[in-house]
N, C-alpha and C. Protein backbone atom coordinates (compact mmCIF):
# COMPACT_ATOMS: atom_id res chain seq x y z
N MET A 1 18.00 18.81 -99.54
CA MET A 1 18.72 17.73 -98.90
C MET A 1 19.17 18.14 -97.49
N THR A 2 19.62 19.36 -97.33
CA THR A 2 20.04 19.79 -96.00
C THR A 2 18.86 19.98 -95.07
N ARG A 3 17.69 20.34 -95.63
CA ARG A 3 16.52 20.48 -94.78
C ARG A 3 16.09 19.15 -94.18
N VAL A 4 16.19 18.10 -94.95
CA VAL A 4 15.82 16.78 -94.45
C VAL A 4 16.74 16.37 -93.32
N LYS A 5 18.04 16.61 -93.49
CA LYS A 5 18.96 16.27 -92.42
C LYS A 5 18.66 17.05 -91.16
N GLY A 6 18.38 18.34 -91.32
CA GLY A 6 18.07 19.17 -90.17
C GLY A 6 16.77 18.76 -89.50
N ALA A 7 15.79 18.34 -90.30
CA ALA A 7 14.51 17.92 -89.75
C ALA A 7 14.64 16.60 -89.00
N GLU A 8 15.48 15.70 -89.51
CA GLU A 8 15.66 14.42 -88.83
C GLU A 8 16.39 14.59 -87.51
N ARG A 9 17.31 15.52 -87.45
CA ARG A 9 18.16 15.66 -86.28
C ARG A 9 17.68 16.79 -85.36
N ALA A 10 16.48 17.31 -85.56
CA ALA A 10 16.01 18.43 -84.77
C ALA A 10 15.83 18.06 -83.30
N ASP A 11 15.41 16.83 -83.03
CA ASP A 11 15.17 16.44 -81.64
C ASP A 11 16.42 15.90 -80.95
N GLU A 12 17.46 15.62 -81.69
CA GLU A 12 18.70 15.10 -81.11
C GLU A 12 19.60 16.25 -80.68
N PRO A 13 20.18 16.17 -79.49
CA PRO A 13 21.13 17.22 -79.10
C PRO A 13 22.42 17.08 -79.91
N THR A 14 23.04 18.20 -80.18
CA THR A 14 24.29 18.16 -80.92
C THR A 14 25.41 17.69 -80.01
N ARG A 15 26.52 17.36 -80.61
CA ARG A 15 27.65 16.90 -79.82
C ARG A 15 28.13 18.01 -78.89
N ARG A 16 28.09 19.23 -79.36
CA ARG A 16 28.50 20.37 -78.55
C ARG A 16 27.59 20.52 -77.33
N ASP A 17 26.29 20.28 -77.51
CA ASP A 17 25.37 20.36 -76.38
C ASP A 17 25.66 19.27 -75.37
N ARG A 18 25.99 18.08 -75.85
CA ARG A 18 26.24 16.97 -74.91
C ARG A 18 27.53 17.18 -74.13
N MET A 19 28.54 17.68 -74.78
CA MET A 19 29.84 17.79 -74.14
C MET A 19 29.91 18.97 -73.19
N ARG A 20 29.31 20.07 -73.55
CA ARG A 20 29.33 21.28 -72.74
C ARG A 20 30.74 21.60 -72.25
N PRO A 21 31.64 21.95 -73.15
CA PRO A 21 33.03 22.13 -72.76
C PRO A 21 33.25 23.28 -71.77
N LEU A 22 32.47 24.33 -71.87
CA LEU A 22 32.65 25.43 -70.94
C LEU A 22 32.31 25.02 -69.52
N GLU A 23 31.26 24.25 -69.35
CA GLU A 23 30.89 23.78 -68.02
C GLU A 23 31.96 22.86 -67.43
N LEU A 24 32.55 22.02 -68.28
CA LEU A 24 33.62 21.15 -67.80
C LEU A 24 34.83 21.97 -67.34
N LEU A 25 35.18 22.98 -68.12
CA LEU A 25 36.32 23.82 -67.76
C LEU A 25 36.07 24.59 -66.47
N VAL A 26 34.87 25.14 -66.32
CA VAL A 26 34.55 25.91 -65.12
C VAL A 26 34.54 25.02 -63.88
N LEU A 27 33.96 23.85 -63.99
CA LEU A 27 33.92 22.94 -62.85
C LEU A 27 35.32 22.46 -62.47
N ALA A 28 36.14 22.14 -63.47
CA ALA A 28 37.51 21.72 -63.19
C ALA A 28 38.31 22.87 -62.58
N ALA A 29 38.09 24.09 -63.06
CA ALA A 29 38.78 25.25 -62.49
C ALA A 29 38.35 25.49 -61.06
N ALA A 30 37.08 25.30 -60.75
CA ALA A 30 36.60 25.49 -59.39
C ALA A 30 37.24 24.47 -58.44
N VAL A 31 37.35 23.23 -58.87
CA VAL A 31 37.99 22.21 -58.05
C VAL A 31 39.48 22.55 -57.87
N GLY A 32 40.12 23.02 -58.93
CA GLY A 32 41.52 23.39 -58.85
C GLY A 32 41.75 24.58 -57.95
N VAL A 33 40.89 25.59 -58.03
CA VAL A 33 41.02 26.76 -57.15
C VAL A 33 40.82 26.37 -55.70
N PHE A 34 39.85 25.51 -55.44
CA PHE A 34 39.63 25.05 -54.07
C PHE A 34 40.86 24.34 -53.52
N ALA A 35 41.42 23.44 -54.31
CA ALA A 35 42.62 22.71 -53.86
C ALA A 35 43.80 23.67 -53.70
N GLY A 36 43.95 24.61 -54.63
CA GLY A 36 45.03 25.58 -54.51
C GLY A 36 44.89 26.46 -53.29
N LEU A 37 43.67 26.88 -52.98
CA LEU A 37 43.46 27.70 -51.78
C LEU A 37 43.73 26.91 -50.50
N VAL A 38 43.29 25.67 -50.47
CA VAL A 38 43.53 24.84 -49.28
C VAL A 38 45.02 24.67 -49.05
N VAL A 39 45.76 24.34 -50.11
CA VAL A 39 47.21 24.16 -49.97
C VAL A 39 47.89 25.48 -49.64
N GLY A 40 47.47 26.55 -50.31
CA GLY A 40 48.08 27.86 -50.07
C GLY A 40 47.85 28.38 -48.67
N LEU A 41 46.64 28.22 -48.16
CA LEU A 41 46.34 28.70 -46.81
C LEU A 41 46.94 27.80 -45.74
N ALA A 42 47.10 26.53 -46.05
CA ALA A 42 47.66 25.61 -45.06
C ALA A 42 49.18 25.73 -44.96
N THR A 43 49.85 25.94 -46.08
CA THR A 43 51.31 25.95 -46.07
C THR A 43 51.91 27.34 -46.23
N ARG A 44 51.16 28.30 -46.71
CA ARG A 44 51.62 29.66 -47.01
C ARG A 44 52.71 29.68 -48.07
N GLU A 45 52.80 28.61 -48.84
CA GLU A 45 53.72 28.55 -49.98
C GLU A 45 52.87 28.62 -51.24
N TRP A 46 52.83 29.80 -51.85
CA TRP A 46 51.92 30.03 -52.96
C TRP A 46 52.40 29.40 -54.25
N ILE A 47 53.70 29.15 -54.36
CA ILE A 47 54.20 28.43 -55.54
C ILE A 47 53.69 26.99 -55.50
N LEU A 48 53.75 26.39 -54.33
CA LEU A 48 53.23 25.03 -54.17
C LEU A 48 51.72 25.00 -54.42
N ALA A 49 51.02 26.04 -53.99
CA ALA A 49 49.57 26.12 -54.22
C ALA A 49 49.28 26.21 -55.72
N ALA A 50 50.10 26.97 -56.46
CA ALA A 50 49.90 27.08 -57.91
C ALA A 50 50.16 25.75 -58.59
N VAL A 51 51.15 25.01 -58.11
CA VAL A 51 51.43 23.68 -58.69
C VAL A 51 50.26 22.74 -58.42
N PHE A 52 49.74 22.77 -57.21
CA PHE A 52 48.59 21.91 -56.88
C PHE A 52 47.37 22.32 -57.70
N PHE A 53 47.16 23.63 -57.89
CA PHE A 53 46.05 24.07 -58.72
C PHE A 53 46.17 23.50 -60.13
N GLY A 54 47.35 23.59 -60.72
CA GLY A 54 47.55 23.09 -62.08
C GLY A 54 47.33 21.59 -62.20
N VAL A 55 47.88 20.86 -61.25
CA VAL A 55 47.76 19.39 -61.30
C VAL A 55 46.32 18.97 -61.08
N ILE A 56 45.67 19.53 -60.08
CA ILE A 56 44.28 19.16 -59.78
C ILE A 56 43.35 19.60 -60.91
N PHE A 57 43.62 20.75 -61.51
CA PHE A 57 42.82 21.21 -62.64
C PHE A 57 42.88 20.23 -63.80
N ILE A 58 44.07 19.80 -64.15
CA ILE A 58 44.23 18.88 -65.28
C ILE A 58 43.61 17.52 -64.98
N VAL A 59 43.85 17.00 -63.79
CA VAL A 59 43.30 15.69 -63.42
C VAL A 59 41.78 15.73 -63.38
N SER A 60 41.21 16.77 -62.77
CA SER A 60 39.75 16.84 -62.70
C SER A 60 39.14 17.07 -64.08
N LEU A 61 39.83 17.81 -64.94
CA LEU A 61 39.32 18.01 -66.30
C LEU A 61 39.28 16.70 -67.07
N VAL A 62 40.32 15.90 -66.94
CA VAL A 62 40.36 14.61 -67.63
C VAL A 62 39.29 13.67 -67.08
N VAL A 63 39.14 13.64 -65.76
CA VAL A 63 38.14 12.76 -65.15
C VAL A 63 36.73 13.18 -65.56
N LEU A 64 36.44 14.47 -65.52
CA LEU A 64 35.11 14.94 -65.91
C LEU A 64 34.83 14.68 -67.38
N ALA A 65 35.83 14.85 -68.23
CA ALA A 65 35.64 14.58 -69.65
C ALA A 65 35.39 13.09 -69.90
N MET A 66 36.11 12.25 -69.22
CA MET A 66 35.89 10.80 -69.39
C MET A 66 34.52 10.39 -68.87
N LEU A 67 34.08 10.98 -67.77
CA LEU A 67 32.76 10.66 -67.25
C LEU A 67 31.66 11.14 -68.20
N SER A 68 31.85 12.29 -68.81
CA SER A 68 30.83 12.78 -69.75
C SER A 68 30.81 11.93 -71.02
N LEU A 69 31.93 11.38 -71.41
CA LEU A 69 31.94 10.47 -72.56
C LEU A 69 31.30 9.13 -72.22
N ALA A 70 31.39 8.72 -70.98
CA ALA A 70 30.87 7.42 -70.58
C ALA A 70 29.35 7.42 -70.43
N THR A 71 28.75 8.56 -70.22
CA THR A 71 27.30 8.60 -70.05
C THR A 71 26.62 8.54 -71.40
N THR A 72 25.46 7.91 -71.43
CA THR A 72 24.67 7.83 -72.65
C THR A 72 23.28 8.33 -72.37
N ALA A 73 22.60 8.78 -73.38
CA ALA A 73 21.22 9.22 -73.24
C ALA A 73 20.33 7.99 -73.07
N PRO A 74 19.22 8.11 -72.36
CA PRO A 74 18.36 6.94 -72.14
C PRO A 74 17.73 6.38 -73.39
N ASP A 75 17.60 7.18 -74.45
CA ASP A 75 16.94 6.67 -75.65
C ASP A 75 17.91 5.99 -76.61
N GLU A 76 19.20 6.02 -76.34
CA GLU A 76 20.16 5.34 -77.20
C GLU A 76 20.17 3.85 -76.88
N LYS A 77 20.47 3.04 -77.91
CA LYS A 77 20.58 1.60 -77.68
C LYS A 77 21.85 1.31 -76.89
N SER A 78 21.73 0.45 -75.91
CA SER A 78 22.92 0.08 -75.17
C SER A 78 23.65 -1.03 -75.91
N LEU A 79 24.93 -1.09 -75.70
CA LEU A 79 25.72 -2.13 -76.35
C LEU A 79 25.37 -3.49 -75.76
N GLY A 80 25.31 -4.47 -76.59
CA GLY A 80 25.02 -5.81 -76.13
C GLY A 80 23.54 -6.09 -75.96
N SER A 81 22.68 -5.24 -76.47
CA SER A 81 21.26 -5.51 -76.33
C SER A 81 20.84 -6.61 -77.30
N ASP A 82 19.64 -7.13 -77.12
CA ASP A 82 19.15 -8.22 -77.95
C ASP A 82 18.94 -7.78 -79.40
N GLU A 83 18.73 -6.51 -79.63
CA GLU A 83 18.49 -6.04 -81.00
C GLU A 83 19.75 -6.14 -81.84
N ASP A 84 20.90 -6.17 -81.22
CA ASP A 84 22.16 -6.31 -81.95
C ASP A 84 22.40 -7.74 -82.43
N GLN A 85 21.79 -8.70 -81.78
CA GLN A 85 22.00 -10.10 -82.09
C GLN A 85 21.12 -10.52 -83.26
N PRO A 86 21.60 -11.40 -84.10
CA PRO A 86 20.74 -11.90 -85.17
C PRO A 86 19.60 -12.71 -84.57
N GLY A 87 18.41 -12.40 -85.00
CA GLY A 87 17.22 -13.10 -84.51
C GLY A 87 16.70 -12.53 -83.20
N GLY A 88 17.30 -11.46 -82.70
CA GLY A 88 16.82 -10.83 -81.46
C GLY A 88 15.63 -9.94 -81.73
N HIS A 89 14.80 -9.72 -80.73
CA HIS A 89 13.59 -8.91 -80.92
C HIS A 89 13.78 -7.61 -80.24
């Protein structure tokens, strides 16, 4: 029974593959470090730079996660297609 499930889902990417959490964290951290460096070098107040890093890191992480959830693979059925309707082809 488990072999059949594995054989059916062999071509589908797993949820972990789609989400790629490490890539999201690294990209959000890079954006946060950039913003923190810009603020730190512009104002020379490193506490303020750390605050900006934290805020920008969290905001960019949430935005990137929402964007990754919003994307769909091209082979998935889109919502509202004719196949969902009764009598649709």
